[in-house]
Amino acid sequence: MSIGATLRVVVPHFSNPFYYSDPTHRVPFGLYTFSYFCDQDIFVRKVPQYALSAPFRLIDARLGFKSYRPRYVRHAFKRAFGILINSSTFLREFYEENLCWLVSCYEIEFEIRRV
């Protein structure tokens, strides 16, 4: 990965019901997962640093909400909920701490840049 290159990683959120039933999902991912491996200043909550900082910067972490057919009403609700939650970093952090077990999140998209 060259300097300045951007990597987008999409992983299932730990509250996704499929996460628990899919045997290939070995590691739970949450909003702060890549904060342990990257420098970041997008979140108020800081995570412990266990090793030397990697040459990466976390640019963004967006929560993806959706549902499958024939759950069209649920899907519409989750899409609208996702737009609201992703409108600010504060709401993303509030969701992860307080609401993740009330309305499950499907996936997280991380944007990481090499510095």
C-alpha atoms as a PDB file:
ATOM      1  CA  MET A   1       0.000   0.000   0.000  1.00  0.00           C
ATOM      2  CA  SER A   2       1.685   3.203  -1.167  1.00  0.00           C
ATOM      3  CA  ILE A   3       1.743   6.431   0.824  1.00  0.00           C
ATOM      4  CA  GLY A   4      -1.518   8.336   0.439  1.00  0.00           C
ATOM      5  CA  ALA A   5      -3.384   5.243  -0.765  1.00  0.00           C
ATOM      6  CA  THR A   6      -6.882   4.725   0.614  1.00  0.00           C
ATOM      7  CA  LEU A   7      -8.266   1.357   1.699  1.00  0.00           C
ATOM      8  CA  ARG A   8     -11.969   0.696   2.249  1.00  0.00           C
ATOM      9  CA  VAL A   9     -12.808  -2.275   4.445  1.00  0.00           C
ATOM     10  CA  VAL A  10     -16.392  -3.523   4.891  1.00  0.00           C
ATOM     11  CA  VAL A  11     -17.005  -5.976   7.731  1.00  0.00           C
ATOM     12  CA  PRO A  12     -20.081  -7.224   9.611  1.00  0.00           C
ATOM     13  CA  HIS A  13     -20.949  -5.288  12.767  1.00  0.00           C
ATOM     14  CA  PHE A  14     -20.952  -7.312  15.993  1.00  0.00           C
ATOM     15  CA  SER A  15     -24.714  -6.710  16.465  1.00  0.00           C
ATOM     16  CA  ASN A  16     -25.528  -8.282  13.075  1.00  0.00           C
ATOM     17  CA  PRO A  17     -27.454 -11.529  13.723  1.00  0.00           C
ATOM     18  CA  PHE A  18     -25.596 -13.199  10.824  1.00  0.00           C
ATOM     19  CA  TYR A  19     -22.300 -12.543  12.590  1.00  0.00           C
ATOM     20  CA  TYR A  20     -23.137 -15.170  15.210  1.00  0.00           C
ATOM     21  CA  SER A  21     -24.428 -17.803  12.788  1.00  0.00           C
ATOM     22  CA  ASP A  22     -21.655 -17.607  10.161  1.00  0.00           C
ATOM     23  CA  PRO A  23     -18.723 -19.835  11.209  1.00  0.00           C
ATOM     24  CA  THR A  24     -16.280 -17.769   9.101  1.00  0.00           C
ATOM     25  CA  HIS A  25     -16.807 -14.711  11.306  1.00  0.00           C
ATOM     26  CA  ARG A  26     -14.101 -15.149  13.905  1.00  0.00           C
ATOM     27  CA  VAL A  27     -13.491 -11.575  15.075  1.00  0.00           C
ATOM     28  CA  PRO A  28     -16.194  -9.118  16.159  1.00  0.00           C
ATOM     29  CA  PHE A  29     -15.894  -5.648  14.611  1.00  0.00           C
ATOM     30  CA  GLY A  30     -17.183  -2.491  16.229  1.00  0.00           C
ATOM     31  CA  LEU A  31     -16.918   1.210  15.570  1.00  0.00           C
ATOM     32  CA  TYR A  32     -13.543   1.495  17.342  1.00  0.00           C
ATOM     33  CA  THR A  33     -11.852  -1.696  16.054  1.00  0.00           C
ATOM     34  CA  PHE A  34      -9.463  -0.007  13.618  1.00  0.00           C
ATOM     35  CA  SER A  35      -8.715   2.755  16.147  1.00  0.00           C
ATOM     36  CA  TYR A  36      -6.412   0.210  17.813  1.00  0.00           C
ATOM     37  CA  PHE A  37      -4.323  -0.020  14.613  1.00  0.00           C
ATOM     38  CA  CYS A  38      -4.547   3.518  13.220  1.00  0.00           C
ATOM     39  CA  ASP A  39      -4.110   7.080  14.340  1.00  0.00           C
ATOM     40  CA  GLN A  40      -7.500   8.734  14.514  1.00  0.00           C
ATOM     41  CA  ASP A  41      -9.117  11.919  15.670  1.00  0.00           C
ATOM     42  CA  ILE A  42     -12.673  11.362  14.462  1.00  0.00           C
ATOM     43  CA  PHE A  43     -13.964   9.816  17.705  1.00  0.00           C
ATOM     44  CA  VAL A  44     -14.122  11.382  21.145  1.00  0.00           C
ATOM     45  CA  ARG A  45     -13.486   8.037  22.826  1.00  0.00           C
ATOM     46  CA  LYS A  46      -9.828   7.066  22.706  1.00  0.00           C
ATOM     47  CA  VAL A  47      -8.715   3.446  22.826  1.00  0.00           C
ATOM     48  CA  PRO A  48      -5.600   2.135  24.595  1.00  0.00           C
ATOM     49  CA  GLN A  49      -2.446   1.942  22.509  1.00  0.00           C
ATOM     50  CA  TYR A  50      -0.756  -1.424  23.007  1.00  0.00           C
ATOM     51  CA  ALA A  51       1.982  -1.120  20.386  1.00  0.00           C
ATOM     52  CA  LEU A  52       3.768   1.440  18.303  1.00  0.00           C
ATOM     53  CA  SER A  53       1.470   3.388  16.051  1.00  0.00           C
ATOM     54  CA  ALA A  54       1.078   1.992  12.543  1.00  0.00           C
ATOM     55  CA  PRO A  55       1.533   4.292   9.548  1.00  0.00           C
ATOM     56  CA  PHE A  56      -2.229   4.468   8.959  1.00  0.00           C
ATOM     57  CA  ARG A  57      -4.913   7.037   9.676  1.00  0.00           C
ATOM     58  CA  LEU A  58      -8.565   6.193  10.192  1.00  0.00           C
ATOM     59  CA  ILE A  59     -10.439   8.633   7.975  1.00  0.00           C
ATOM     60  CA  ASP A  60     -14.022   7.459   8.508  1.00  0.00           C
ATOM     61  CA  ALA A  61     -16.172   4.667   9.915  1.00  0.00           C
ATOM     62  CA  ARG A  62     -19.785   4.489   8.701  1.00  0.00           C
ATOM     63  CA  LEU A  63     -22.449   2.129  10.004  1.00  0.00           C
ATOM     64  CA  GLY A  64     -24.585   0.299   7.442  1.00  0.00           C
ATOM     65  CA  PHE A  65     -28.182  -0.606   8.278  1.00  0.00           C
ATOM     66  CA  LYS A  66     -30.333  -2.836   6.079  1.00  0.00           C
ATOM     67  CA  SER A  67     -32.733  -5.749   6.069  1.00  0.00           C
ATOM     68  CA  TYR A  68     -33.655  -8.359   3.474  1.00  0.00           C
ATOM     69  CA  ARG A  69     -36.732  -9.211   1.386  1.00  0.00           C
ATOM     70  CA  PRO A  70     -39.597  -9.432   2.166  1.00  0.00           C
ATOM     71  CA  ARG A  71     -38.900  -7.044   5.047  1.00  0.00           C
ATOM     72  CA  TYR A  72     -39.417  -3.826   3.025  1.00  0.00           C
ATOM     73  CA  VAL A  73     -40.841  -1.747   5.889  1.00  0.00           C
ATOM     74  CA  ARG A  74     -38.029  -2.827   8.212  1.00  0.00           C
ATOM     75  CA  HIS A  75     -35.499  -2.082   5.463  1.00  0.00           C
ATOM     76  CA  ALA A  76     -36.920   1.434   4.951  1.00  0.00           C
ATOM     77  CA  PHE A  77     -36.826   2.071   8.711  1.00  0.00           C
ATOM     78  CA  LYS A  78     -33.222   0.873   8.972  1.00  0.00           C
ATOM     79  CA  ARG A  79     -32.114   2.981   5.986  1.00  0.00           C
ATOM     80  CA  ALA A  80     -33.677   6.107   7.529  1.00  0.00           C
ATOM     81  CA  PHE A  81     -32.204   5.216  10.929  1.00  0.00           C
ATOM     82  CA  GLY A  82     -28.777   4.791   9.298  1.00  0.00           C
ATOM     83  CA  ILE A  83     -28.962   8.206   7.652  1.00  0.00           C
ATOM     84  CA  LEU A  84     -29.726   9.757  11.045  1.00  0.00           C
ATOM     85  CA  ILE A  85     -27.007   7.835  12.918  1.00  0.00           C
ATOM     86  CA  ASN A  86     -24.326   8.503  10.292  1.00  0.00           C
ATOM     87  CA  SER A  87     -25.105  12.228  10.243  1.00  0.00           C
ATOM     88  CA  SER A  88     -22.623  12.850  13.067  1.00  0.00           C
ATOM     89  CA  THR A  89     -19.771  11.154  14.861  1.00  0.00           C
ATOM     90  CA  PHE A  90     -21.533  11.807  18.180  1.00  0.00           C
ATOM     91  CA  LEU A  91     -24.588   9.795  17.047  1.00  0.00           C
ATOM     92  CA  ARG A  92     -22.404   6.919  15.793  1.00  0.00           C
ATOM     93  CA  GLU A  93     -20.675   6.716  19.160  1.00  0.00           C
ATOM     94  CA  PHE A  94     -24.008   7.061  20.993  1.00  0.00           C
ATOM     95  CA  TYR A  95     -25.485   4.250  18.872  1.00  0.00           C
ATOM     96  CA  GLU A  96     -22.581   1.885  19.551  1.00  0.00           C
ATOM     97  CA  GLU A  97     -22.718   2.490  23.302  1.00  0.00           C
ATOM     98  CA  ASN A  98     -26.480   2.638  23.859  1.00  0.00           C
ATOM     99  CA  LEU A  99     -28.610   1.464  20.933  1.00  0.00           C
ATOM    100  CA  CYS A 100     -26.782  -1.375  19.159  1.00  0.00           C
ATOM    101  CA  TRP A 101     -28.859  -4.110  20.793  1.00  0.00           C
ATOM    102  CA  LEU A 102     -32.165  -2.316  20.056  1.00  0.00           C
ATOM    103  CA  VAL A 103     -31.581  -1.808  16.321  1.00  0.00           C
ATOM    104  CA  SER A 104     -28.932  -4.123  14.915  1.00  0.00           C
ATOM    105  CA  CYS A 105     -26.376  -2.777  12.486  1.00  0.00           C
ATOM    106  CA  TYR A 106     -25.537  -4.830   9.402  1.00  0.00           C
ATOM    107  CA  GLU A 107     -21.997  -3.724   8.582  1.00  0.00           C
ATOM    108  CA  ILE A 108     -19.291  -1.113   9.081  1.00  0.00           C
ATOM    109  CA  GLU A 109     -17.300   0.530   6.309  1.00  0.00           C
ATOM    110  CA  PHE A 110     -13.892   1.795   7.389  1.00  0.00           C
ATOM    111  CA  GLU A 111     -11.800   4.183   5.320  1.00  0.00           C
ATOM    112  CA  ILE A 112      -8.090   4.006   6.117  1.00  0.00           C
ATOM    113  CA  ARG A 113      -5.249   6.019   4.569  1.00  0.00           C
ATOM    114  CA  ARG A 114      -1.538   5.267   4.601  1.00  0.00           C
ATOM    115  CA  VAL A 115       0.472   8.230   5.888  1.00  0.00           C
END
